[in-house]
Amino acid sequence: LLERHPELVGDEARLYRYFKTKFSSYLKDVLRRQESQKRQFDKMAYEEIGDVAHAIPAGGLWLDDYVAYREVLVQVEEALSEADRKQFQALVRGERFKGRQALLRKVRPYFSGFDQG
C-alpha cells in the first residue's frame, strides 16, 4: 500500500482509511469467493457445535460426581491423623513426598466408586 501511495507515509489518518478500506474489501472478497457455487471446495468447514457436542469428551467431573468427590475428601481428612492429613493435602495438590505410595494405598478404598475402569 505504501509503495503505491508514498504520500500516505506522513498522513496517518488517510493511511488508516486506505488500510481499512483495503482490508474490508479483502475480507468481503474472501467471503464472496467462499459462498460462490463454483468454489464450494474453497469453503471453510463449519459444524454447528450442538450437532457434534456428543462427540467431544467432557473434561473433568459432572456436578454430582464433583459433589460426591468433595464429600469423600472431607471423610478422608476426618479419618486421617494430623500428619497424614498434611500429607493428604500435599497429595491433592500433586506434590511429591516420602510415603506417598503408602498414603495412596491407605486412601484408595475411599475412592473406589470413582474408578473409570
PDB file of N, CA and C in Angstrom:
ATOM      1  N   LEU A   1       0.831  -1.188   0.000  1.00  0.00           N
ATOM      2  CA  LEU A   1       0.000   0.000   0.000  1.00  0.00           C
ATOM      3  C   LEU A   1       0.872   1.247   0.000  1.00  0.00           C
ATOM      4  N   LEU A   2       1.915   1.239   0.824  1.00  0.00           N
ATOM      5  CA  LEU A   2       2.798   2.402   0.886  1.00  0.00           C
ATOM      6  C   LEU A   2       3.651   2.537  -0.368  1.00  0.00           C
ATOM      7  N   GLU A   3       3.930   1.423  -1.039  1.00  0.00           N
ATOM      8  CA  GLU A   3       4.693   1.502  -2.285  1.00  0.00           C
ATOM      9  C   GLU A   3       3.870   2.172  -3.371  1.00  0.00           C
ATOM     10  N   ARG A   4       2.579   1.898  -3.420  1.00  0.00           N
ATOM     11  CA  ARG A   4       1.711   2.505  -4.431  1.00  0.00           C
ATOM     12  C   ARG A   4       1.359   3.944  -4.099  1.00  0.00           C
ATOM     13  N   HIS A   5       1.257   4.240  -2.799  1.00  0.00           N
ATOM     14  CA  HIS A   5       0.858   5.582  -2.354  1.00  0.00           C
ATOM     15  C   HIS A   5       1.859   6.102  -1.325  1.00  0.00           C
ATOM     16  N   PRO A   6       3.028   6.558  -1.750  1.00  0.00           N
ATOM     17  CA  PRO A   6       4.046   7.015  -0.790  1.00  0.00           C
ATOM     18  C   PRO A   6       3.639   8.266  -0.021  1.00  0.00           C
ATOM     19  N   GLU A   7       2.665   9.012  -0.515  1.00  0.00           N
ATOM     20  CA  GLU A   7       2.238  10.228   0.186  1.00  0.00           C
ATOM     21  C   GLU A   7       1.517   9.913   1.501  1.00  0.00           C
ATOM     22  N   LEU A   8       1.155   8.638   1.714  1.00  0.00           N
ATOM     23  CA  LEU A   8       0.456   8.248   2.940  1.00  0.00           C
ATOM     24  C   LEU A   8       1.387   8.083   4.133  1.00  0.00           C
ATOM     25  N   VAL A   9       2.692   8.090   3.907  1.00  0.00           N
ATOM     26  CA  VAL A   9       3.647   7.861   4.995  1.00  0.00           C
ATOM     27  C   VAL A   9       3.479   8.894   6.102  1.00  0.00           C
ATOM     28  N   GLY A  10       3.271  10.124   5.766  1.00  0.00           N
ATOM     29  CA  GLY A  10       3.155  11.176   6.772  1.00  0.00           C
ATOM     30  C   GLY A  10       1.740  11.419   7.248  1.00  0.00           C
ATOM     31  N   ASP A  11       0.745  10.930   6.539  1.00  0.00           N
ATOM     32  CA  ASP A  11      -0.654  11.204   6.864  1.00  0.00           C
ATOM     33  C   ASP A  11      -1.310   9.945   7.432  1.00  0.00           C
ATOM     34  N   GLU A  12      -1.284   9.822   8.754  1.00  0.00           N
ATOM     35  CA  GLU A  12      -1.790   8.606   9.394  1.00  0.00           C
ATOM     36  C   GLU A  12      -3.293   8.438   9.230  1.00  0.00           C
ATOM     37  N   ALA A  13      -4.035   9.525   9.221  1.00  0.00           N
ATOM     38  CA  ALA A  13      -5.491   9.422   9.086  1.00  0.00           C
ATOM     39  C   ALA A  13      -5.859   8.846   7.723  1.00  0.00           C
ATOM     40  N   ARG A  14      -5.228   9.349   6.667  1.00  0.00           N
ATOM     41  CA  ARG A  14      -5.507   8.817   5.323  1.00  0.00           C
ATOM     42  C   ARG A  14      -5.002   7.385   5.196  1.00  0.00           C
ATOM     43  N   LEU A  15      -3.845   7.083   5.807  1.00  0.00           N
ATOM     44  CA  LEU A  15      -3.313   5.724   5.772  1.00  0.00           C
ATOM     45  C   LEU A  15      -4.300   4.762   6.435  1.00  0.00           C
ATOM     46  N   TYR A  16      -4.856   5.172   7.566  1.00  0.00           N
ATOM     47  CA  TYR A  16      -5.840   4.343   8.259  1.00  0.00           C
ATOM     48  C   TYR A  16      -7.057   4.094   7.380  1.00  0.00           C
ATOM     49  N   ARG A  17      -7.583   5.151   6.738  1.00  0.00           N
ATOM     50  CA  ARG A  17      -8.755   4.995   5.866  1.00  0.00           C
ATOM     51  C   ARG A  17      -8.455   4.076   4.694  1.00  0.00           C
ATOM     52  N   TYR A  18      -7.285   4.245   4.071  1.00  0.00           N
ATOM     53  CA  TYR A  18      -6.907   3.389   2.943  1.00  0.00           C
ATOM     54  C   TYR A  18      -6.805   1.932   3.395  1.00  0.00           C
ATOM     55  N   PHE A  19      -6.114   1.722   4.517  1.00  0.00           N
ATOM     56  CA  PHE A  19      -5.929   0.355   5.008  1.00  0.00           C
ATOM     57  C   PHE A  19      -7.267  -0.275   5.371  1.00  0.00           C
ATOM     58  N   LYS A  20      -8.116   0.489   6.072  1.00  0.00           N
ATOM     59  CA  LYS A  20      -9.421  -0.023   6.480  1.00  0.00           C
ATOM     60  C   LYS A  20     -10.248  -0.413   5.259  1.00  0.00           C
ATOM     61  N   THR A  21     -10.231   0.433   4.231  1.00  0.00           N
ATOM     62  CA  THR A  21     -10.980   0.144   3.006  1.00  0.00           C
ATOM     63  C   THR A  21     -10.422  -1.084   2.315  1.00  0.00           C
ATOM     64  N   LYS A  22      -9.090  -1.151   2.185  1.00  0.00           N
ATOM     65  CA  LYS A  22      -8.464  -2.297   1.516  1.00  0.00           C
ATOM     66  C   LYS A  22      -8.734  -3.590   2.291  1.00  0.00           C
ATOM     67  N   PHE A  23      -8.607  -3.536   3.602  1.00  0.00           N
ATOM     68  CA  PHE A  23      -8.785  -4.732   4.420  1.00  0.00           C
ATOM     69  C   PHE A  23     -10.233  -5.213   4.385  1.00  0.00           C
ATOM     70  N   SER A  24     -11.183  -4.293   4.529  1.00  0.00           N
ATOM     71  CA  SER A  24     -12.589  -4.710   4.499  1.00  0.00           C
ATOM     72  C   SER A  24     -12.959  -5.235   3.119  1.00  0.00           C
ATOM     73  N   SER A  25     -12.421  -4.642   2.062  1.00  0.00           N
ATOM     74  CA  SER A  25     -12.675  -5.154   0.709  1.00  0.00           C
ATOM     75  C   SER A  25     -12.090  -6.548   0.553  1.00  0.00           C
ATOM     76  N   TYR A  26     -10.907  -6.765   1.093  1.00  0.00           N
ATOM     77  CA  TYR A  26     -10.273  -8.079   1.026  1.00  0.00           C
ATOM     78  C   TYR A  26     -11.130  -9.128   1.736  1.00  0.00           C
ATOM     79  N   LEU A  27     -11.624  -8.792   2.929  1.00  0.00           N
ATOM     80  CA  LEU A  27     -12.469  -9.732   3.670  1.00  0.00           C
ATOM     81  C   LEU A  27     -13.759 -10.039   2.915  1.00  0.00           C
ATOM     82  N   LYS A  28     -14.368  -9.018   2.327  1.00  0.00           N
ATOM     83  CA  LYS A  28     -15.593  -9.240   1.554  1.00  0.00           C
ATOM     84  C   LYS A  28     -15.319 -10.137   0.359  1.00  0.00           C
ATOM     85  N   ASP A  29     -14.186  -9.938  -0.300  1.00  0.00           N
ATOM     86  CA  ASP A  29     -13.831 -10.785  -1.443  1.00  0.00           C
ATOM     87  C   ASP A  29     -13.651 -12.240  -1.016  1.00  0.00           C
ATOM     88  N   VAL A  30     -12.992 -12.452   0.107  1.00  0.00           N
ATOM     89  CA  VAL A  30     -12.790 -13.820   0.597  1.00  0.00           C
ATOM     90  C   VAL A  30     -14.132 -14.481   0.897  1.00  0.00           C
ATOM     91  N   LEU A  31     -15.031 -13.759   1.559  1.00  0.00           N
ATOM     92  CA  LEU A  31     -16.346 -14.317   1.878  1.00  0.00           C
ATOM     93  C   LEU A  31     -17.161 -14.587   0.623  1.00  0.00           C
ATOM     94  N   ARG A  32     -17.123 -13.685  -0.351  1.00  0.00           N
ATOM     95  CA  ARG A  32     -17.842 -13.910  -1.609  1.00  0.00           C
ATOM     96  C   ARG A  32     -17.310 -15.133  -2.328  1.00  0.00           C
ATOM     97  N   ARG A  33     -15.994 -15.285  -2.334  1.00  0.00           N
ATOM     98  CA  ARG A  33     -15.379 -16.426  -3.012  1.00  0.00           C
ATOM     99  C   ARG A  33     -15.800 -17.734  -2.335  1.00  0.00           C
ATOM    100  N   GLN A  34     -15.878 -17.716  -1.016  1.00  0.00           N
ATOM    101  CA  GLN A  34     -16.294 -18.922  -0.299  1.00  0.00           C
ATOM    102  C   GLN A  34     -17.743 -19.285  -0.593  1.00  0.00           C
ATOM    103  N   GLU A  35     -18.583 -18.298  -0.786  1.00  0.00           N
ATOM    104  CA  GLU A  35     -20.008 -18.546  -0.981  1.00  0.00           C
ATOM    105  C   GLU A  35     -20.382 -18.840  -2.427  1.00  0.00           C
ATOM    106  N   SER A  36     -19.501 -18.594  -3.365  1.00  0.00           N
ATOM    107  CA  SER A  36     -19.860 -18.821  -4.764  1.00  0.00           C
ATOM    108  C   SER A  36     -20.041 -20.312  -5.028  1.00  0.00           C
ATOM    109  N   GLN A  37     -20.954 -20.641  -5.927  1.00  0.00           N
ATOM    110  CA  GLN A  37     -21.287 -22.034  -6.216  1.00  0.00           C
ATOM    111  C   GLN A  37     -20.121 -22.801  -6.809  1.00  0.00           C
ATOM    112  N   LYS A  38     -19.351 -22.178  -7.665  1.00  0.00           N
ATOM    113  CA  LYS A  38     -18.276 -22.919  -8.325  1.00  0.00           C
ATOM    114  C   LYS A  38     -17.056 -23.098  -7.432  1.00  0.00           C
ATOM    115  N   ARG A  39     -17.057 -22.474  -6.265  1.00  0.00           N
ATOM    116  CA  ARG A  39     -15.907 -22.582  -5.374  1.00  0.00           C
ATOM    117  C   ARG A  39     -16.280 -23.244  -4.048  1.00  0.00           C
ATOM    118  N   GLN A  40     -17.152 -24.204  -4.083  1.00  0.00           N
ATOM    119  CA  GLN A  40     -17.570 -24.877  -2.857  1.00  0.00           C
ATOM    120  C   GLN A  40     -16.418 -25.603  -2.171  1.00  0.00           C
ATOM    121  N   PHE A  41     -15.395 -25.981  -2.939  1.00  0.00           N
ATOM    122  CA  PHE A  41     -14.259 -26.669  -2.331  1.00  0.00           C
ATOM    123  C   PHE A  41     -13.399 -25.727  -1.501  1.00  0.00           C
ATOM    124  N   ASP A  42     -13.461 -24.413  -1.774  1.00  0.00           N
ATOM    125  CA  ASP A  42     -12.690 -23.433  -1.013  1.00  0.00           C
ATOM    126  C   ASP A  42     -13.378 -23.045   0.291  1.00  0.00           C
ATOM    127  N   LYS A  43     -14.619 -23.444   0.436  1.00  0.00           N
ATOM    128  CA  LYS A  43     -15.394 -23.030   1.599  1.00  0.00           C
ATOM    129  C   LYS A  43     -14.827 -23.659   2.870  1.00  0.00           C
ATOM    130  N   MET A  44     -14.716 -22.859   3.897  1.00  0.00           N
ATOM    131  CA  MET A  44     -14.209 -23.363   5.169  1.00  0.00           C
ATOM    132  C   MET A  44     -15.232 -24.308   5.790  1.00  0.00           C
ATOM    133  N   ALA A  45     -14.741 -25.352   6.402  1.00  0.00           N
ATOM    134  CA  ALA A  45     -15.626 -26.325   7.045  1.00  0.00           C
ATOM    135  C   ALA A  45     -16.275 -25.696   8.267  1.00  0.00           C
ATOM    136  N   TYR A  46     -17.557 -25.966   8.432  1.00  0.00           N
ATOM    137  CA  TYR A  46     -18.276 -25.418   9.574  1.00  0.00           C
ATOM    138  C   TYR A  46     -19.230 -26.476  10.099  1.00  0.00           C
ATOM    139  N   GLU A  47     -19.175 -26.732  11.355  1.00  0.00           N
ATOM    140  CA  GLU A  47     -20.096 -27.659  12.007  1.00  0.00           C
ATOM    141  C   GLU A  47     -20.725 -26.937  13.189  1.00  0.00           C
ATOM    142  N   GLU A  48     -22.012 -27.048  13.310  1.00  0.00           N
ATOM    143  CA  GLU A  48     -22.696 -26.484  14.469  1.00  0.00           C
ATOM    144  C   GLU A  48     -22.273 -27.285  15.697  1.00  0.00           C
ATOM    145  N   ILE A  49     -21.823 -26.609  16.738  1.00  0.00           N
ATOM    146  CA  ILE A  49     -21.279 -27.295  17.904  1.00  0.00           C
ATOM    147  C   ILE A  49     -22.349 -28.146  18.586  1.00  0.00           C
ATOM    148  N   GLY A  50     -23.602 -27.745  18.506  1.00  0.00           N
ATOM    149  CA  GLY A  50     -24.666 -28.541  19.105  1.00  0.00           C
ATOM    150  C   GLY A  50     -24.849 -29.885  18.428  1.00  0.00           C
ATOM    151  N   ASP A  51     -24.514 -29.947  17.133  1.00  0.00           N
ATOM    152  CA  ASP A  51     -24.668 -31.199  16.390  1.00  0.00           C
ATOM    153  C   ASP A  51     -23.577 -32.209  16.709  1.00  0.00           C
ATOM    154  N   VAL A  52     -22.406 -31.727  17.113  1.00  0.00           N
ATOM    155  CA  VAL A  52     -21.277 -32.628  17.348  1.00  0.00           C
ATOM    156  C   VAL A  52     -20.808 -32.625  18.796  1.00  0.00           C
ATOM    157  N   ALA A  53     -21.556 -31.990  19.684  1.00  0.00           N
ATOM    158  CA  ALA A  53     -21.127 -31.881  21.081  1.00  0.00           C
ATOM    159  C   ALA A  53     -21.016 -33.240  21.755  1.00  0.00           C
ATOM    160  N   HIS A  54     -21.833 -34.196  21.319  1.00  0.00           N
ATOM    161  CA  HIS A  54     -21.788 -35.517  21.940  1.00  0.00           C
ATOM    162  C   HIS A  54     -20.467 -36.232  21.660  1.00  0.00           C
ATOM    163  N   ALA A  55     -19.769 -35.832  20.601  1.00  0.00           N
ATOM    164  CA  ALA A  55     -18.513 -36.491  20.232  1.00  0.00           C
ATOM    165  C   ALA A  55     -17.309 -35.909  20.963  1.00  0.00           C
ATOM    166  N   ILE A  56     -17.490 -34.780  21.620  1.00  0.00           N
ATOM    167  CA  ILE A  56     -16.385 -34.125  22.324  1.00  0.00           C
ATOM    168  C   ILE A  56     -16.367 -34.642  23.756  1.00  0.00           C
ATOM    169  N   PRO A  57     -15.268 -35.267  24.171  1.00  0.00           N
ATOM    170  CA  PRO A  57     -15.231 -35.781  25.541  1.00  0.00           C
ATOM    171  C   PRO A  57     -15.227 -34.632  26.548  1.00  0.00           C
ATOM    172  N   ALA A  58     -16.035 -34.763  27.557  1.00  0.00           N
ATOM    173  CA  ALA A  58     -16.114 -33.733  28.582  1.00  0.00           C
ATOM    174  C   ALA A  58     -14.959 -33.917  29.555  1.00  0.00           C
ATOM    175  N   GLY A  59     -14.213 -32.851  29.780  1.00  0.00           N
ATOM    176  CA  GLY A  59     -13.117 -32.919  30.738  1.00  0.00           C
ATOM    177  C   GLY A  59     -13.641 -32.695  32.140  1.00  0.00           C
ATOM    178  N   GLY A  60     -13.100 -33.398  33.080  1.00  0.00           N
ATOM    179  CA  GLY A  60     -13.498 -33.192  34.457  1.00  0.00           C
ATOM    180  C   GLY A  60     -14.676 -34.044  34.875  1.00  0.00           C
ATOM    181  N   LEU A  61     -15.256 -33.672  35.997  1.00  0.00           N
ATOM    182  CA  LEU A  61     -16.348 -34.441  36.588  1.00  0.00           C
ATOM    183  C   LEU A  61     -17.678 -33.741  36.342  1.00  0.00           C
ATOM    184  N   TRP A  62     -18.741 -34.533  36.296  1.00  0.00           N
ATOM    185  CA  TRP A  62     -20.080 -33.964  36.273  1.00  0.00           C
ATOM    186  C   TRP A  62     -20.350 -33.394  37.657  1.00  0.00           C
ATOM    187  N   LEU A  63     -21.355 -32.577  37.789  1.00  0.00           N
ATOM    188  CA  LEU A  63     -21.625 -31.897  39.050  1.00  0.00           C
ATOM    189  C   LEU A  63     -21.890 -32.882  40.186  1.00  0.00           C
ATOM    190  N   ASP A  64     -22.687 -33.916  39.932  1.00  0.00           N
ATOM    191  CA  ASP A  64     -22.981 -34.866  41.010  1.00  0.00           C
ATOM    192  C   ASP A  64     -21.733 -35.640  41.426  1.00  0.00           C
ATOM    193  N   ASP A  65     -20.876 -35.974  40.455  1.00  0.00           N
ATOM    194  CA  ASP A  65     -19.616 -36.644  40.790  1.00  0.00           C
ATOM    195  C   ASP A  65     -18.705 -35.721  41.591  1.00  0.00           C
ATOM    196  N   TYR A  66     -18.705 -34.442  41.246  1.00  0.00           N
ATOM    197  CA  TYR A  66     -17.858 -33.481  41.950  1.00  0.00           C
ATOM    198  C   TYR A  66     -18.316 -33.328  43.403  1.00  0.00           C
ATOM    199  N   VAL A  67     -19.617 -33.261  43.616  1.00  0.00           N
ATOM    200  CA  VAL A  67     -20.143 -33.138  44.982  1.00  0.00           C
ATOM    201  C   VAL A  67     -19.775 -34.375  45.792  1.00  0.00           C
ATOM    202  N   ALA A  68     -19.935 -35.562  45.192  1.00  0.00           N
ATOM    203  CA  ALA A  68     -19.574 -36.804  45.886  1.00  0.00           C
ATOM    204  C   ALA A  68     -18.078 -36.837  46.178  1.00  0.00           C
ATOM    205  N   TYR A  69     -17.271 -36.372  45.238  1.00  0.00           N
ATOM    206  CA  TYR A  69     -15.815 -36.332  45.415  1.00  0.00           C
ATOM    207  C   TYR A  69     -15.443 -35.421  46.585  1.00  0.00           C
ATOM    208  N   ARG A  70     -16.071 -34.249  46.662  1.00  0.00           N
ATOM    209  CA  ARG A  70     -15.768 -33.327  47.767  1.00  0.00           C
ATOM    210  C   ARG A  70     -16.167 -33.950  49.111  1.00  0.00           C
ATOM    211  N   GLU A  71     -17.281 -34.670  49.144  1.00  0.00           N
ATOM    212  CA  GLU A  71     -17.703 -35.333  50.385  1.00  0.00           C
ATOM    213  C   GLU A  71     -16.705 -36.409  50.797  1.00  0.00           C
ATOM    214  N   VAL A  72     -16.196 -37.157  49.827  1.00  0.00           N
ATOM    215  CA  VAL A  72     -15.203 -38.193  50.128  1.00  0.00           C
ATOM    216  C   VAL A  72     -13.926 -37.549  50.651  1.00  0.00           C
ATOM    217  N   LEU A  73     -13.531 -36.413  50.071  1.00  0.00           N
ATOM    218  CA  LEU A  73     -12.336 -35.718  50.572  1.00  0.00           C
ATOM    219  C   LEU A  73     -12.499 -35.341  52.041  1.00  0.00           C
ATOM    220  N   VAL A  74     -13.672 -34.844  52.400  1.00  0.00           N
ATOM    221  CA  VAL A  74     -13.925 -34.471  53.798  1.00  0.00           C
ATOM    222  C   VAL A  74     -13.865 -35.707  54.692  1.00  0.00           C
ATOM    223  N   GLN A  75     -14.479 -36.814  54.252  1.00  0.00           N
ATOM    224  CA  GLN A  75     -14.458 -38.052  55.036  1.00  0.00           C
ATOM    225  C   GLN A  75     -13.030 -38.552  55.241  1.00  0.00           C
ATOM    226  N   VAL A  76     -12.235 -38.502  54.187  1.00  0.00           N
ATOM    227  CA  VAL A  76     -10.852 -38.981  54.275  1.00  0.00           C
ATOM    228  C   VAL A  76     -10.069 -38.117  55.249  1.00  0.00           C
ATOM    229  N   GLU A  77     -10.216 -36.799  55.144  1.00  0.00           N
ATOM    230  CA  GLU A  77      -9.469 -35.908  56.041  1.00  0.00           C
ATOM    231  C   GLU A  77      -9.874 -36.119  57.496  1.00  0.00           C
ATOM    232  N   GLU A  78     -11.150 -36.411  57.743  1.00  0.00           N
ATOM    233  CA  GLU A  78     -11.596 -36.660  59.119  1.00  0.00           C
ATOM    234  C   GLU A  78     -11.039 -37.973  59.656  1.00  0.00           C
ATOM    235  N   ALA A  79     -10.833 -38.952  58.784  1.00  0.00           N
ATOM    236  CA  ALA A  79     -10.362 -40.271  59.219  1.00  0.00           C
ATOM    237  C   ALA A  79      -8.852 -40.321  59.419  1.00  0.00           C
ATOM    238  N   LEU A  80      -8.120 -39.358  58.905  1.00  0.00           N
ATOM    239  CA  LEU A  80      -6.654 -39.392  58.969  1.00  0.00           C
ATOM    240  C   LEU A  80      -6.133 -38.661  60.197  1.00  0.00           C
ATOM    241  N   SER A  81      -4.930 -39.031  60.598  1.00  0.00           N
ATOM    242  CA  SER A  81      -4.259 -38.310  61.681  1.00  0.00           C
ATOM    243  C   SER A  81      -3.776 -36.960  61.139  1.00  0.00           C
ATOM    244  N   GLU A  82      -3.308 -36.113  62.038  1.00  0.00           N
ATOM    245  CA  GLU A  82      -2.859 -34.770  61.622  1.00  0.00           C
ATOM    246  C   GLU A  82      -1.705 -34.845  60.623  1.00  0.00           C
ATOM    247  N   ALA A  83      -0.733 -35.726  60.867  1.00  0.00           N
ATOM    248  CA  ALA A  83       0.412 -35.854  59.952  1.00  0.00           C
ATOM    249  C   ALA A  83      -0.046 -36.397  58.601  1.00  0.00           C
ATOM    250  N   ASP A  84      -0.932 -37.401  58.636  1.00  0.00           N
ATOM    251  CA  ASP A  84      -1.447 -37.960  57.384  1.00  0.00           C
ATOM    252  C   ASP A  84      -2.305 -36.938  56.640  1.00  0.00           C
ATOM    253  N   ARG A  85      -3.028 -36.105  57.391  1.00  0.00           N
ATOM    254  CA  ARG A  85      -3.871 -35.087  56.769  1.00  0.00           C
ATOM    255  C   ARG A  85      -3.017 -34.087  55.988  1.00  0.00           C
ATOM    256  N   LYS A  86      -1.882 -33.699  56.557  1.00  0.00           N
ATOM    257  CA  LYS A  86      -0.982 -32.774  55.844  1.00  0.00           C
ATOM    258  C   LYS A  86      -0.433 -33.430  54.581  1.00  0.00           C
ATOM    259  N   GLN A  87      -0.082 -34.713  54.695  1.00  0.00           N
ATOM    260  CA  GLN A  87       0.400 -35.428  53.513  1.00  0.00           C
ATOM    261  C   GLN A  87      -0.712 -35.574  52.477  1.00  0.00           C
ATOM    262  N   PHE A  88      -1.940 -35.820  52.943  1.00  0.00           N
ATOM    263  CA  PHE A  88      -3.065 -35.961  52.020  1.00  0.00           C
ATOM    264  C   PHE A  88      -3.322 -34.652  51.276  1.00  0.00           C
ATOM    265  N   GLN A  89      -3.223 -33.538  51.964  1.00  0.00           N
ATOM    266  CA  GLN A  89      -3.398 -32.239  51.308  1.00  0.00           C
ATOM    267  C   GLN A  89      -2.302 -32.007  50.275  1.00  0.00           C
ATOM    268  N   ALA A  90      -1.084 -32.442  50.582  1.00  0.00           N
ATOM    269  CA  ALA A  90       0.007 -32.348  49.607  1.00  0.00           C
ATOM    270  C   ALA A  90      -0.267 -33.271  48.421  1.00  0.00           C
ATOM    271  N   LEU A  91      -0.852 -34.429  48.686  1.00  0.00           N
ATOM    272  CA  LEU A  91      -1.207 -35.370  47.618  1.00  0.00           C
ATOM    273  C   LEU A  91      -2.253 -34.761  46.686  1.00  0.00           C
ATOM    274  N   VAL A  92      -3.251 -34.115  47.251  1.00  0.00           N
ATOM    275  CA  VAL A  92      -4.297 -33.468  46.450  1.00  0.00           C
ATOM    276  C   VAL A  92      -3.702 -32.348  45.601  1.00  0.00           C
ATOM    277  N   ARG A  93      -2.709 -31.650  46.132  1.00  0.00           N
ATOM    278  CA  ARG A  93      -2.045 -30.583  45.369  1.00  0.00           C
ATOM    279  C   ARG A  93      -1.111 -31.128  44.304  1.00  0.00           C
ATOM    280  N   GLY A  94      -0.862 -32.439  44.312  1.00  0.00           N
ATOM    281  CA  GLY A  94       0.006 -33.050  43.307  1.00  0.00           C
ATOM    282  C   GLY A  94       1.472 -33.028  43.666  1.00  0.00           C
ATOM    283  N   GLU A  95       1.792 -32.792  44.917  1.00  0.00           N
ATOM    284  CA  GLU A  95       3.187 -32.730  45.344  1.00  0.00           C
ATOM    285  C   GLU A  95       3.755 -34.133  45.557  1.00  0.00           C
ATOM    286  N   ARG A  96       5.071 -34.219  45.520  1.00  0.00           N
ATOM    287  CA  ARG A  96       5.779 -35.479  45.791  1.00  0.00           C
ATOM    288  C   ARG A  96       6.329 -35.421  47.214  1.00  0.00           C
ATOM    289  N   PHE A  97       6.267 -36.561  47.911  1.00  0.00           N
ATOM    290  CA  PHE A  97       6.799 -36.614  49.268  1.00  0.00           C
ATOM    291  C   PHE A  97       7.066 -38.065  49.635  1.00  0.00           C
ATOM    292  N   LYS A  98       7.837 -38.248  50.695  1.00  0.00           N
ATOM    293  CA  LYS A  98       8.155 -39.593  51.165  1.00  0.00           C
ATOM    294  C   LYS A  98       6.915 -40.196  51.824  1.00  0.00           C
ATOM    295  N   GLY A  99       6.607 -41.429  51.467  1.00  0.00           N
ATOM    296  CA  GLY A  99       5.433 -42.102  52.000  1.00  0.00           C
ATOM    297  C   GLY A  99       4.186 -41.898  51.152  1.00  0.00           C
ATOM    298  N   ARG A 100       4.372 -41.383  49.963  1.00  0.00           N
ATOM    299  CA  ARG A 100       3.241 -41.092  49.066  1.00  0.00           C
ATOM    300  C   ARG A 100       2.480 -42.366  48.694  1.00  0.00           C
ATOM    301  N   GLN A 101       3.211 -43.416  48.319  1.00  0.00           N
ATOM    302  CA  GLN A 101       2.560 -44.671  47.913  1.00  0.00           C
ATOM    303  C   GLN A 101       1.801 -45.307  49.074  1.00  0.00           C
ATOM    304  N   ALA A 102       2.368 -45.244  50.280  1.00  0.00           N
ATOM    305  CA  ALA A 102       1.681 -45.810  51.449  1.00  0.00           C
ATOM    306  C   ALA A 102       0.379 -45.049  51.714  1.00  0.00           C
ATOM    307  N   LEU A 103       0.422 -43.734  51.571  1.00  0.00           N
ATOM    308  CA  LEU A 103      -0.783 -42.933  51.768  1.00  0.00           C
ATOM    309  C   LEU A 103      -1.815 -43.234  50.680  1.00  0.00           C
ATOM    310  N   LEU A 104      -1.351 -43.411  49.456  1.00  0.00           N
ATOM    311  CA  LEU A 104      -2.270 -43.768  48.370  1.00  0.00           C
ATOM    312  C   LEU A 104      -2.974 -45.092  48.658  1.00  0.00           C
ATOM    313  N   ARG A 105      -2.221 -46.067  49.141  1.00  0.00           N
ATOM    314  CA  ARG A 105      -2.830 -47.359  49.490  1.00  0.00           C
ATOM    315  C   ARG A 105      -3.857 -47.196  50.616  1.00  0.00           C
ATOM    316  N   LYS A 106      -3.569 -46.292  51.554  1.00  0.00           N
ATOM    317  CA  LYS A 106      -4.453 -46.097  52.697  1.00  0.00           C
ATOM    318  C   LYS A 106      -5.776 -45.431  52.279  1.00  0.00           C
ATOM    319  N   VAL A 107      -5.725 -44.480  51.343  1.00  0.00           N
ATOM    320  CA  VAL A 107      -6.942 -43.738  50.979  1.00  0.00           C
ATOM    321  C   VAL A 107      -7.652 -44.303  49.748  1.00  0.00           C
ATOM    322  N   ARG A 108      -7.028 -45.230  49.037  1.00  0.00           N
ATOM    323  CA  ARG A 108      -7.632 -45.780  47.814  1.00  0.00           C
ATOM    324  C   ARG A 108      -9.034 -46.359  48.042  1.00  0.00           C
ATOM    325  N   PRO A 109      -9.297 -47.085  49.136  1.00  0.00           N
ATOM    326  CA  PRO A 109     -10.653 -47.640  49.327  1.00  0.00           C
ATOM    327  C   PRO A 109     -11.757 -46.571  49.371  1.00  0.00           C
ATOM    328  N   TYR A 110     -11.434 -45.373  49.845  1.00  0.00           N
ATOM    329  CA  TYR A 110     -12.434 -44.312  49.899  1.00  0.00           C
ATOM    330  C   TYR A 110     -12.889 -43.892  48.495  1.00  0.00           C
ATOM    331  N   PHE A 111     -11.994 -44.019  47.523  1.00  0.00           N
ATOM    332  CA  PHE A 111     -12.269 -43.537  46.168  1.00  0.00           C
ATOM    333  C   PHE A 111     -12.631 -44.664  45.202  1.00  0.00           C
ATOM    334  N   SER A 112     -13.005 -45.823  45.720  1.00  0.00           N
ATOM    335  CA  SER A 112     -13.293 -46.967  44.843  1.00  0.00           C
ATOM    336  C   SER A 112     -14.488 -46.700  43.930  1.00  0.00           C
ATOM    337  N   GLY A 113     -15.415 -45.855  44.323  1.00  0.00           N
ATOM    338  CA  GLY A 113     -16.574 -45.543  43.493  1.00  0.00           C
ATOM    339  C   GLY A 113     -16.261 -44.664  42.300  1.00  0.00           C
ATOM    340  N   PHE A 114     -15.060 -44.112  42.247  1.00  0.00           N
ATOM    341  CA  PHE A 114     -14.693 -43.209  41.160  1.00  0.00           C
ATOM    342  C   PHE A 114     -13.835 -43.887  40.102  1.00  0.00           C
ATOM    343  N   ASP A 115     -13.707 -45.210  40.159  1.00  0.00           N
ATOM    344  CA  ASP A 115     -12.886 -45.929  39.171  1.00  0.00           C
ATOM    345  C   ASP A 115     -13.473 -45.751  37.783  1.00  0.00           C
ATOM    346  N   GLN A 116     -12.593 -45.477  36.811  1.00  0.00           N
ATOM    347  CA  GLN A 116     -13.021 -45.289  35.423  1.00  0.00           C
ATOM    348  C   GLN A 116     -13.042 -46.597  34.652  1.00  0.00           C
ATOM    349  N   GLY A 117     -12.483 -47.666  35.193  1.00  0.00           N
ATOM    350  CA  GLY A 117     -12.358 -48.937  34.506  1.00  0.00           C
ATOM    351  C   GLY A 117     -13.641 -49.644  34.415  1.00  0.00           C
TER     352      GLY A 117
END
